[in-house]
Amino acid sequence: MLIIPAIDLRDGRCVRLMQGDFGRMTVYSTNPADVARRWQDLGAERIHVVDLDGSRAGIPKNMSVIRDIVRAISIPIQLGGGIRNMKTAREYLDIGVGWLILGTAALKNRDFVKEAGHFLEGRIILGLDGRDGKAAVEAWTEETGQSVVEIAKSYEGSGFSAVVYTDIGRDGMEGGVNIEATRLLAESIRMPVIASGGVSGLRDIERLKAIESSGVIGVIVGKALYSGALRLEDAIREGKRGEQG
């Protein structure tokens, strides 16, 4: 199971939000590229990067910082935030981003998402945020009447490499991963799932590892790493437990 450290960007800085609330933000570094190097040095195989400003604006806002991160490390990044058209998608891939996460666009512009999945097959990840099983969009400021499972199923066969599922109520709170909701999604679709939101310590990695066979291939870890509640090397060791080689 992949353990994927998160780097959330706002105004060029590495920050963390509580439950997606921009009013409850902690700044952890003014040099995100250094943070990425640190996670790589500790054994990370992939980095999760979000342009929070881009998520709000609908256009890239931290592209130069993202370019610096890509240049600073040799492992791939998966990127979300402000990717709403093919031009932006191709620009990010051209600077070396590994995968693009399409979230709000998946609900607002299905034609673009289908086009991206077709022409950029294998390089697109579907990003779904939910609360009580219902999907939310626009940096979590707007909820929909559709279920996370329903939306995910509608995109099966569209060329996505995975689904990132974030539980809004738990993100940044270190209150524990929503195991049941993650398991339900993974068992309901054919696409692999990457869990996100609420990791509080090693126990959450152990619990996710227990449902790996359902189709959960990884977990994004943010605040627990920055607060020191979880050591990345311990999480990686648990994630690899039972693997051959």
Protein backbone atom coordinates (compact mmCIF):
# COMPACT_ATOMS: atom_id res chain seq x y z
CA MET A 1 0.00 0.00 0.00
CA LEU A 2 1.29 3.41 -0.99
CA ILE A 3 1.77 5.98 1.78
CA ILE A 4 1.51 9.36 0.05
CA PRO A 5 2.57 12.50 1.95
CA ALA A 6 0.50 15.59 1.19
CA ILE A 7 1.71 19.08 0.36
CA ASP A 8 -1.10 21.64 0.21
CA LEU A 9 -0.17 24.96 -1.36
CA ARG A 10 -1.52 28.40 -0.57
CA ASP A 11 0.27 31.59 -1.58
CA GLY A 12 3.33 29.49 -2.37
CA ARG A 13 3.54 28.02 1.12
CA CYS A 14 3.03 24.50 2.48
CA VAL A 15 -0.07 24.61 4.68
CA ARG A 16 -2.75 22.40 6.21
CA LEU A 17 -6.43 23.21 6.56
CA MET A 18 -8.93 21.77 9.03
CA GLN A 19 -11.92 20.27 7.20
CA GLY A 20 -11.07 22.34 4.12
CA ASP A 21 -11.65 25.60 6.01
CA PHE A 22 -9.35 28.37 4.74
CA GLY A 23 -9.99 30.21 7.99
CA ARG A 24 -8.38 27.39 9.97
CA MET A 25 -4.98 27.15 8.32
CA THR A 26 -1.54 26.31 9.67
CA VAL A 27 1.61 27.22 7.72
CA TYR A 28 4.30 24.53 7.95
CA SER A 29 6.88 25.77 5.46
CA THR A 30 7.63 28.60 3.09
CA ASN A 31 9.62 26.22 0.87
CA PRO A 32 7.41 23.35 -0.36
CA ALA A 33 10.23 21.92 -2.50
CA ASP A 34 12.30 21.34 0.64
CA VAL A 35 9.32 19.57 2.22
CA ALA A 36 9.01 17.32 -0.84
CA ARG A 37 12.71 16.45 -0.65
CA ARG A 38 12.31 15.57 3.01
CA TRP A 39 9.45 13.16 2.32
CA GLN A 40 11.39 11.58 -0.54
CA ASP A 41 14.47 11.13 1.65
CA LEU A 42 12.29 9.34 4.23
CA GLY A 43 11.12 6.82 1.63
CA ALA A 44 8.02 8.28 -0.05
CA GLU A 45 7.36 6.88 -3.52
CA ARG A 46 4.81 9.54 -4.51
CA ILE A 47 3.78 13.00 -3.31
CA HIS A 48 0.24 14.40 -3.26
CA VAL A 49 0.15 18.11 -4.10
CA VAL A 50 -2.91 20.37 -4.04
CA ASP A 51 -3.09 23.93 -5.33
CA LEU A 52 -5.62 25.24 -2.82
CA ASP A 53 -5.71 28.67 -4.42
CA GLY A 54 -6.30 27.02 -7.78
CA SER A 55 -9.15 24.97 -6.35
CA ARG A 56 -10.94 28.18 -5.43
CA ALA A 57 -10.08 30.17 -8.54
CA GLY A 58 -10.56 27.40 -11.09
CA ILE A 59 -7.17 28.17 -12.66
CA PRO A 60 -3.57 27.38 -11.66
CA LYS A 61 -2.22 29.69 -8.96
CA ASN A 62 0.95 27.94 -7.80
CA MET A 63 2.40 26.53 -11.02
CA SER A 64 5.89 27.92 -10.45
CA VAL A 65 6.02 26.31 -6.99
CA ILE A 66 4.77 23.02 -8.43
CA ARG A 67 7.49 23.20 -11.08
CA ASP A 68 10.06 23.68 -8.31
CA ILE A 69 8.72 20.62 -6.47
CA VAL A 70 8.93 18.47 -9.61
CA ARG A 71 12.51 19.58 -10.22
CA ALA A 72 13.52 18.99 -6.60
CA ILE A 73 12.59 15.30 -6.44
CA SER A 74 12.91 12.16 -8.53
CA ILE A 75 9.62 10.54 -7.43
CA PRO A 76 6.33 11.42 -9.17
CA ILE A 77 3.65 13.74 -7.86
CA GLN A 78 -0.11 13.60 -8.22
CA LEU A 79 -1.63 17.06 -8.49
CA GLY A 80 -5.07 18.53 -7.91
CA GLY A 81 -6.54 22.02 -7.87
CA GLY A 82 -7.55 24.36 -10.67
CA ILE A 83 -7.36 21.87 -13.54
CA ARG A 84 -10.46 22.67 -15.57
CA ASN A 85 -9.39 22.32 -19.23
CA MET A 86 -7.08 20.35 -21.50
CA LYS A 87 -4.64 23.25 -21.91
CA THR A 88 -3.96 23.32 -18.16
CA ALA A 89 -3.79 19.54 -18.01
CA ARG A 90 -1.18 19.36 -20.77
CA GLU A 91 0.85 22.22 -19.25
CA TYR A 92 1.14 20.34 -15.98
CA LEU A 93 2.08 17.08 -17.66
CA ASP A 94 4.67 18.94 -19.74
CA ILE A 95 6.46 20.20 -16.60
CA GLY A 96 6.67 16.65 -15.26
CA VAL A 97 3.59 16.09 -13.11
CA GLY A 98 2.83 12.35 -12.93
CA TRP A 99 -0.95 12.32 -12.48
CA LEU A 100 -3.66 14.95 -12.54
CA ILE A 101 -6.53 14.80 -10.08
CA LEU A 102 -9.83 16.06 -11.45
CA GLY A 103 -12.37 16.87 -8.76
CA THR A 104 -14.78 19.76 -9.15
CA ALA A 105 -14.43 19.54 -12.92
CA ALA A 106 -15.74 15.99 -12.77
CA LEU A 107 -19.08 17.29 -11.53
CA LYS A 108 -19.18 20.59 -13.40
CA ASN A 109 -17.81 19.59 -16.82
CA ARG A 110 -18.21 15.94 -17.71
CA ASP A 111 -17.19 16.56 -21.32
CA PHE A 112 -13.76 17.79 -20.24
CA VAL A 113 -13.29 14.91 -17.83
CA LYS A 114 -14.23 12.34 -20.46
CA GLU A 115 -11.87 14.03 -22.94
CA ALA A 116 -9.02 14.03 -20.43
CA GLY A 117 -9.59 10.39 -19.55
CA HIS A 118 -9.56 9.45 -23.25
CA PHE A 119 -6.55 11.44 -24.46
CA LEU A 120 -4.53 11.24 -21.22
CA GLU A 121 -5.49 7.70 -20.25
CA GLY A 122 -3.69 6.45 -17.16
CA ARG A 123 -2.56 9.94 -16.16
CA ILE A 124 -5.87 11.07 -14.65
CA ILE A 125 -7.17 10.41 -11.13
CA LEU A 126 -10.77 11.10 -10.15
CA GLY A 127 -10.94 13.15 -6.95
CA LEU A 128 -14.13 12.76 -4.92
CA ASP A 129 -14.83 14.55 -1.66
CA GLY A 130 -17.74 13.46 0.49
CA ARG A 131 -19.66 14.08 3.66
CA ASP A 132 -22.18 11.49 4.88
CA GLY A 133 -21.81 9.72 1.54
CA LYS A 134 -22.72 12.80 -0.53
CA ALA A 135 -20.25 14.47 -2.86
CA ALA A 136 -19.08 18.06 -2.38
CA VAL A 137 -17.44 20.44 -4.86
CA GLU A 138 -15.81 23.87 -5.16
CA ALA A 139 -13.16 23.35 -2.48
CA TRP A 140 -15.89 21.73 -0.31
CA THR A 141 -18.05 24.86 -0.21
CA GLU A 142 -20.96 23.29 -2.10
CA GLU A 143 -22.57 19.90 -1.52
CA THR A 144 -24.40 17.90 -4.17
CA GLY A 145 -27.29 15.50 -3.95
CA GLN A 146 -25.30 12.72 -5.61
CA SER A 147 -23.54 9.98 -3.71
CA VAL A 148 -19.79 9.44 -4.00
CA VAL A 149 -20.36 5.87 -5.18
CA GLU A 150 -22.87 6.97 -7.81
CA ILE A 151 -20.46 9.52 -9.29
CA ALA A 152 -17.52 7.12 -9.24
CA LYS A 153 -19.51 4.46 -11.05
CA SER A 154 -20.50 6.95 -13.76
CA TYR A 155 -16.81 7.37 -14.66
CA GLU A 156 -15.82 3.73 -14.80
CA GLY A 157 -14.19 2.85 -18.08
CA SER A 158 -13.19 6.48 -18.70
CA GLY A 159 -9.43 5.99 -18.48
CA PHE A 160 -8.85 6.92 -14.85
CA SER A 161 -5.96 5.28 -13.02
CA ALA A 162 -7.56 5.61 -9.55
CA VAL A 163 -10.02 7.46 -7.34
CA VAL A 164 -8.92 9.65 -4.42
CA TYR A 165 -11.69 9.69 -1.83
CA THR A 166 -11.52 12.36 0.87
CA ASP A 167 -13.84 12.40 3.86
CA ILE A 168 -14.46 16.12 4.41
CA GLY A 169 -15.52 15.79 8.02
CA ARG A 170 -12.26 14.12 8.95
CA ASP A 171 -9.69 15.91 6.79
CA GLY A 172 -7.09 17.71 8.86
CA MET A 173 -8.73 16.59 12.11
CA GLU A 174 -6.62 13.48 12.87
CA GLY A 175 -9.81 11.81 14.02
CA GLY A 176 -9.32 8.53 12.20
CA VAL A 177 -9.99 7.41 8.64
CA ASN A 178 -13.56 6.62 7.59
CA ILE A 179 -12.82 2.96 6.96
CA GLU A 180 -16.37 1.88 6.18
CA ALA A 181 -17.02 4.61 3.60
CA THR A 182 -13.66 3.88 1.97
CA ARG A 183 -14.36 0.16 1.90
CA LEU A 184 -17.86 0.71 0.47
CA LEU A 185 -16.49 2.82 -2.39
CA ALA A 186 -13.64 0.40 -3.15
CA GLU A 187 -15.98 -2.59 -3.21
CA SER A 188 -18.55 -0.76 -5.37
CA ILE A 189 -16.27 0.18 -8.27
CA ARG A 190 -13.60 -1.41 -10.43
CA MET A 191 -11.14 1.49 -10.12
CA PRO A 192 -8.53 1.36 -7.32
CA VAL A 193 -9.09 3.76 -4.42
CA ILE A 194 -6.68 6.03 -2.56
CA ALA A 195 -7.98 6.99 0.89
CA SER A 196 -7.65 10.51 2.27
CA GLY A 197 -8.70 12.43 5.36
CA GLY A 198 -8.38 11.82 9.08
CA VAL A 199 -5.21 9.74 9.43
CA SER A 200 -4.25 10.11 13.09
CA GLY A 201 -1.51 7.56 13.53
CA LEU A 202 -0.17 4.13 12.68
CA ARG A 203 -3.41 2.44 13.70
CA ASP A 204 -5.17 4.02 10.72
CA ILE A 205 -2.56 2.62 8.34
CA GLU A 206 -3.08 -0.81 9.91
CA ARG A 207 -6.87 -0.53 9.47
CA LEU A 208 -6.54 0.51 5.84
CA LYS A 209 -4.05 -2.28 5.24
CA ALA A 210 -6.74 -4.69 6.45
CA ILE A 211 -9.09 -3.61 3.62
CA GLU A 212 -6.39 -3.43 0.94
CA SER A 213 -7.90 -6.45 -0.78
CA SER A 214 -11.09 -4.43 -1.38
CA GLY A 215 -9.14 -2.28 -3.83
CA VAL A 216 -7.56 0.35 -1.57
CA ILE A 217 -4.07 0.90 -3.02
CA GLY A 218 -2.89 3.85 -0.97
CA VAL A 219 -3.54 6.56 1.57
CA ILE A 220 -2.74 10.27 1.60
CA VAL A 221 -1.31 11.49 4.89
CA GLY A 222 -1.11 15.16 5.82
CA LYS A 223 -1.48 16.69 9.25
CA ALA A 224 -0.40 13.59 11.19
CA LEU A 225 3.01 13.79 9.51
CA TYR A 226 3.39 17.52 10.10
CA SER A 227 2.27 17.33 13.74
CA GLY A 228 4.55 14.38 14.46
CA ALA A 229 1.69 12.03 15.36
CA LEU A 230 2.91 9.65 12.66
CA ARG A 231 6.40 9.01 11.33
CA LEU A 232 6.50 8.51 7.58
CA GLU A 233 9.03 5.69 7.81
CA ASP A 234 6.77 3.78 10.23
CA ALA A 235 3.76 4.27 7.96
CA ILE A 236 5.69 3.07 4.91
CA ARG A 237 6.92 0.01 6.80
CA GLU A 238 3.34 -0.89 7.76
CA GLY A 239 2.12 -0.23 4.22
CA LYS A 240 4.65 -2.68 2.83
CA ARG A 241 4.00 -5.35 5.44
CA GLY A 242 3.37 -8.71 3.83
CA GLU A 243 4.73 -7.72 0.44
CA GLN A 244 7.23 -9.99 -1.26
CA GLY A 245 10.74 -8.70 -1.91
